[in-house]
């Protein structure tokens, strides 16, 4: 059951929260796409491709963390784990 706002301020808060939710989902989606691309490159053993995607990973993770779409520690954890895997490739 969805709560229907009664007051003007509650209606505005609902509009705001829906817009924020969309933006946050888009930020998370962008991060997930880059992570998948890097993981795909890692499984293929393509270190050059993975290294090319590093700036995009950093940007997506930092932006999602800055806007609190994800926790800042999660962004750091994602970046750290992927960098560790990239460095481990020959």
Protein backbone atom coordinates (compact mmCIF):
# COMPACT_ATOMS: atom_id res chain seq x y z
CA UNK A 1 0.00 0.00 0.00
CA UNK A 2 1.38 3.40 -0.99
CA UNK A 3 0.85 6.36 1.31
CA UNK A 4 -0.82 9.24 -0.51
CA UNK A 5 0.34 12.67 0.67
CA UNK A 6 -2.31 15.08 1.91
CA UNK A 7 -0.50 18.35 2.52
CA UNK A 8 1.27 20.50 -0.06
CA UNK A 9 4.61 19.99 1.66
CA UNK A 10 4.13 16.21 1.72
CA UNK A 11 3.31 16.23 -2.00
CA UNK A 12 6.46 18.22 -2.70
CA UNK A 13 8.56 15.84 -0.58
CA UNK A 14 7.16 12.92 -2.56
CA UNK A 15 8.09 14.58 -5.85
CA UNK A 16 11.58 15.35 -4.55
CA UNK A 17 12.16 11.86 -3.22
CA UNK A 18 11.07 10.26 -6.50
CA UNK A 19 13.46 12.49 -8.46
CA UNK A 20 16.30 11.73 -6.05
CA UNK A 21 15.56 8.03 -6.24
CA UNK A 22 15.79 8.12 -10.05
CA UNK A 23 19.09 10.01 -9.92
CA UNK A 24 20.53 7.64 -7.33
CA UNK A 25 19.47 4.60 -9.33
CA UNK A 26 21.13 6.07 -12.42
CA UNK A 27 24.37 6.66 -10.49
CA UNK A 28 24.33 3.11 -9.14
CA UNK A 29 23.56 1.74 -12.60
CA UNK A 30 26.53 3.63 -14.10
CA UNK A 31 28.82 2.20 -11.42
CA UNK A 32 27.55 -1.35 -11.93
CA UNK A 33 28.09 -1.10 -15.70
CA UNK A 34 31.73 -0.02 -15.29
CA UNK A 35 32.38 -2.72 -12.68
CA UNK A 36 30.96 -5.36 -15.01
CA UNK A 37 33.08 -4.12 -17.91
CA UNK A 38 36.23 -4.29 -15.78
CA UNK A 39 35.37 -7.75 -14.48
CA UNK A 40 34.75 -8.93 -18.03
CA UNK A 41 38.15 -7.58 -19.07
CA UNK A 42 39.80 -9.25 -16.09
CA UNK A 43 38.30 -12.66 -16.85
CA UNK A 44 39.47 -12.29 -20.44
CA UNK A 45 42.94 -11.41 -19.13
CA UNK A 46 42.90 -8.05 -20.94
CA UNK A 47 44.90 -5.83 -18.60
CA UNK A 48 45.07 -2.91 -21.08
CA UNK A 49 41.28 -2.77 -21.39
CA UNK A 50 40.86 -2.93 -17.61
CA UNK A 51 43.38 -0.12 -17.10
CA UNK A 52 41.55 2.02 -19.67
CA UNK A 53 38.37 1.73 -17.61
CA UNK A 54 40.01 2.79 -14.32
CA UNK A 55 39.22 6.53 -14.70
CA UNK A 56 35.57 5.74 -15.44
CA UNK A 57 35.42 3.47 -12.40
CA UNK A 58 36.90 6.15 -10.14
CA UNK A 59 34.53 8.80 -11.45
CA UNK A 60 31.41 6.64 -11.15
CA UNK A 61 32.30 5.36 -7.67
CA UNK A 62 33.28 8.78 -6.32
CA UNK A 63 30.19 10.46 -7.76
CA UNK A 64 27.87 7.83 -6.28
CA UNK A 65 29.59 8.14 -2.91
CA UNK A 66 29.63 11.94 -2.95
CA UNK A 67 25.91 12.07 -3.62
CA UNK A 68 25.34 9.32 -1.01
CA UNK A 69 23.78 6.91 -3.50
CA UNK A 70 26.19 4.41 -1.95
CA UNK A 71 28.24 4.57 1.24
CA UNK A 72 31.69 6.13 0.77
CA UNK A 73 33.32 3.03 2.27
CA UNK A 74 31.58 0.86 -0.31
CA UNK A 75 32.99 3.01 -3.09
CA UNK A 76 36.46 2.68 -1.59
CA UNK A 77 36.03 -1.08 -1.21
CA UNK A 78 34.92 -1.53 -4.83
CA UNK A 79 37.82 0.56 -6.15
CA UNK A 80 40.35 -1.19 -3.92
CA UNK A 81 39.27 -4.72 -4.82
CA UNK A 82 39.22 -4.07 -8.55
CA UNK A 83 42.58 -2.28 -8.51
CA UNK A 84 44.06 -5.20 -6.60
CA UNK A 85 42.78 -7.62 -9.27
CA UNK A 86 44.05 -5.43 -12.10
CA UNK A 87 47.53 -5.17 -10.56
CA UNK A 88 47.62 -8.97 -10.11
CA UNK A 89 47.33 -9.53 -13.87
CA UNK A 90 50.62 -10.25 -15.68
